[in-house]
Amino acid sequence: MNAAPNSEEFYKKLKEQLYDTAQWPSEYLYKFIVLSTPEKILQVENIFDNLGAVIDTKASKNGKYTSISINVTMKDPEAIIAKYKEVAENVEGVISL
């Protein structure tokens, strides 16, 4: 099961909002939740490798899940959406916020 947003309608709305609210290129904050396994966390981190991203991880109270915040400069809304889709396709069980 993949809890990431995957409908084209969602992405279309997000793209419109991003174009309306920012000048591009612009910083963007991604937030994901994964099971607290080193493999899952590394999968997400690797997708943003070589982009100059600032990545912060925080385990949940009981340690079962980890939230991953990624602050990175993206060139345009299409690039942001492409990364959401890449994470959704490559990290099983990820939740995108």
Protein backbone atom coordinates (compact mmCIF):
# COMPACT_ATOMS: atom_id res chain seq x y z
CA MET A 1 0.00 0.00 0.00
CA ASN A 2 1.33 3.41 -0.90
CA ALA A 3 -0.19 6.34 0.97
CA ALA A 4 1.51 9.01 -1.14
CA PRO A 5 -0.81 11.29 -3.09
CA ASN A 6 -0.97 9.87 -6.58
CA SER A 7 -3.97 11.32 -8.35
CA GLU A 8 -3.28 13.59 -11.27
CA GLU A 9 -5.92 15.95 -9.89
CA PHE A 10 -3.89 16.36 -6.70
CA TYR A 11 -0.73 17.14 -8.66
CA LYS A 12 -2.54 19.54 -10.97
CA LYS A 13 -3.90 21.50 -8.00
CA LEU A 14 -0.51 21.51 -6.27
CA LYS A 15 1.19 22.78 -9.42
CA GLU A 16 -1.29 25.66 -9.71
CA GLN A 17 -0.84 26.59 -6.05
CA LEU A 18 2.93 26.53 -6.36
CA TYR A 19 2.95 28.79 -9.42
CA ASP A 20 0.60 31.21 -7.61
CA THR A 21 2.60 31.43 -4.38
CA ALA A 22 6.29 31.51 -5.29
CA GLN A 23 8.93 32.88 -7.63
CA TRP A 24 10.99 30.14 -9.27
CA PRO A 25 13.49 28.72 -8.48
CA SER A 26 12.36 28.57 -4.87
CA GLU A 27 12.92 26.67 -1.63
CA TYR A 28 10.41 23.91 -0.95
CA LEU A 29 9.85 21.83 2.16
CA TYR A 30 8.97 18.18 1.60
CA LYS A 31 7.67 16.09 4.49
CA PHE A 32 7.46 12.31 4.47
CA ILE A 33 6.74 9.61 7.03
CA VAL A 34 8.26 6.14 6.74
CA LEU A 35 8.72 3.10 8.95
CA SER A 36 11.79 3.62 11.13
CA THR A 37 14.15 1.35 9.23
CA PRO A 38 17.52 2.56 7.98
CA GLU A 39 16.66 1.27 4.49
CA LYS A 40 13.44 3.33 4.18
CA ILE A 41 15.07 6.50 5.47
CA LEU A 42 18.04 6.04 3.14
CA GLN A 43 15.75 5.43 0.15
CA VAL A 44 14.11 8.83 0.66
CA GLU A 45 17.41 10.59 1.36
CA ASN A 46 19.01 9.12 -1.78
CA ILE A 47 16.27 10.56 -4.00
CA PHE A 48 17.33 14.05 -2.89
CA ASP A 49 21.07 13.34 -3.05
CA ASN A 50 23.21 15.89 -4.93
CA LEU A 51 20.53 18.62 -4.73
CA GLY A 52 21.98 20.50 -1.77
CA ALA A 53 19.02 19.47 0.36
CA VAL A 54 18.90 19.97 4.12
CA ILE A 55 17.42 16.78 5.53
CA ASP A 56 16.11 16.42 9.09
CA THR A 57 14.78 13.16 10.54
CA LYS A 58 12.82 12.66 13.72
CA ALA A 59 11.61 9.37 15.18
CA SER A 60 8.06 9.15 16.50
CA LYS A 61 7.41 8.84 20.22
CA ASN A 62 7.33 5.05 20.11
CA GLY A 63 10.04 4.83 17.43
CA LYS A 64 7.95 2.94 14.89
CA TYR A 65 7.90 5.78 12.34
CA THR A 66 10.32 8.49 11.27
CA SER A 67 9.39 11.85 9.82
CA ILE A 68 11.74 13.20 7.18
CA SER A 69 11.77 16.93 6.40
CA ILE A 70 13.68 17.97 3.30
CA ASN A 71 14.33 21.62 2.51
CA VAL A 72 15.67 22.06 -1.00
CA THR A 73 15.73 24.67 -3.75
CA MET A 74 13.73 23.44 -6.74
CA LYS A 75 13.65 25.02 -10.19
CA ASP A 76 9.87 24.88 -10.72
CA PRO A 77 6.65 23.13 -9.64
CA GLU A 78 7.17 20.37 -12.23
CA ALA A 79 10.46 19.44 -10.51
CA ILE A 80 8.70 19.36 -7.12
CA ILE A 81 5.97 17.06 -8.42
CA ALA A 82 8.52 14.82 -10.15
CA LYS A 83 10.25 14.25 -6.79
CA TYR A 84 6.93 13.43 -5.07
CA LYS A 85 6.23 10.86 -7.78
CA GLU A 86 9.76 9.44 -7.57
CA VAL A 87 9.44 8.95 -3.81
CA ALA A 88 5.97 7.40 -4.19
CA GLU A 89 7.22 4.96 -6.83
CA ASN A 90 10.42 3.94 -5.04
CA VAL A 91 9.66 3.93 -1.31
CA GLU A 92 7.02 1.40 -0.31
CA GLY A 93 4.59 2.59 2.35
CA VAL A 94 5.73 6.21 2.35
CA ILE A 95 3.27 8.89 3.45
CA SER A 96 3.69 12.30 1.82
CA LEU A 97 2.48 15.35 3.71
